[in-house]
Amino acid sequence: MELLRWDPFREMEELRARIDRLFEEFIGSWRQREFAATPRSWLPPVDIYDDGEALVVEMDLPGLRKEDIEISITEDTLTVRGERRRPEGEERRYARSERVFGPFERSFAINLPIKADEVKASYENGVLILRLPKAESEGPRRIKVE
């Protein structure tokens, strides 16, 4: 028979771990119910790069229809907004809900001249692709002092 030494700190650590698991289970399920019941904003991920001829914006928008996406452009700002809606139909009792639904809006500063009338937008497989063709820059001008 082997004698085990009693370690009160090990017992306290085990108790703390059990209490932590209990709180995590309770708070986790409460958080899921709370978030599932209320719409909230989200920020879809985006990549922006210069391909030489145009500024290209690629934005992940899974689950949206083309009709749910609104794009506007001003002299120096590109704005994309929309809303991802929960599926219509029967009421669902979620065991886990991690996908975010609700409205979103992203705005980006455009720091180079573009041809706003030639901007193209395509949407395929949940990815929005915007091509903003660059306009010819006038470059620096010399001004003669008179």
Foldseek 3Di string as FASTA:
>chain_A
DDDDDDDVVVVVVVVVVVVVVVVCVVVVVVVQVVQVVDADEDDWDWDWDDPPFWIKIKTFAPQDDPVQWDWDDDQWKIKIKGWRDDDDDDDDDDPGDDDHTTIYMDMDTHPAGFDVVPWDWDADPRMIMITTGGDDDPPDDDDDDD
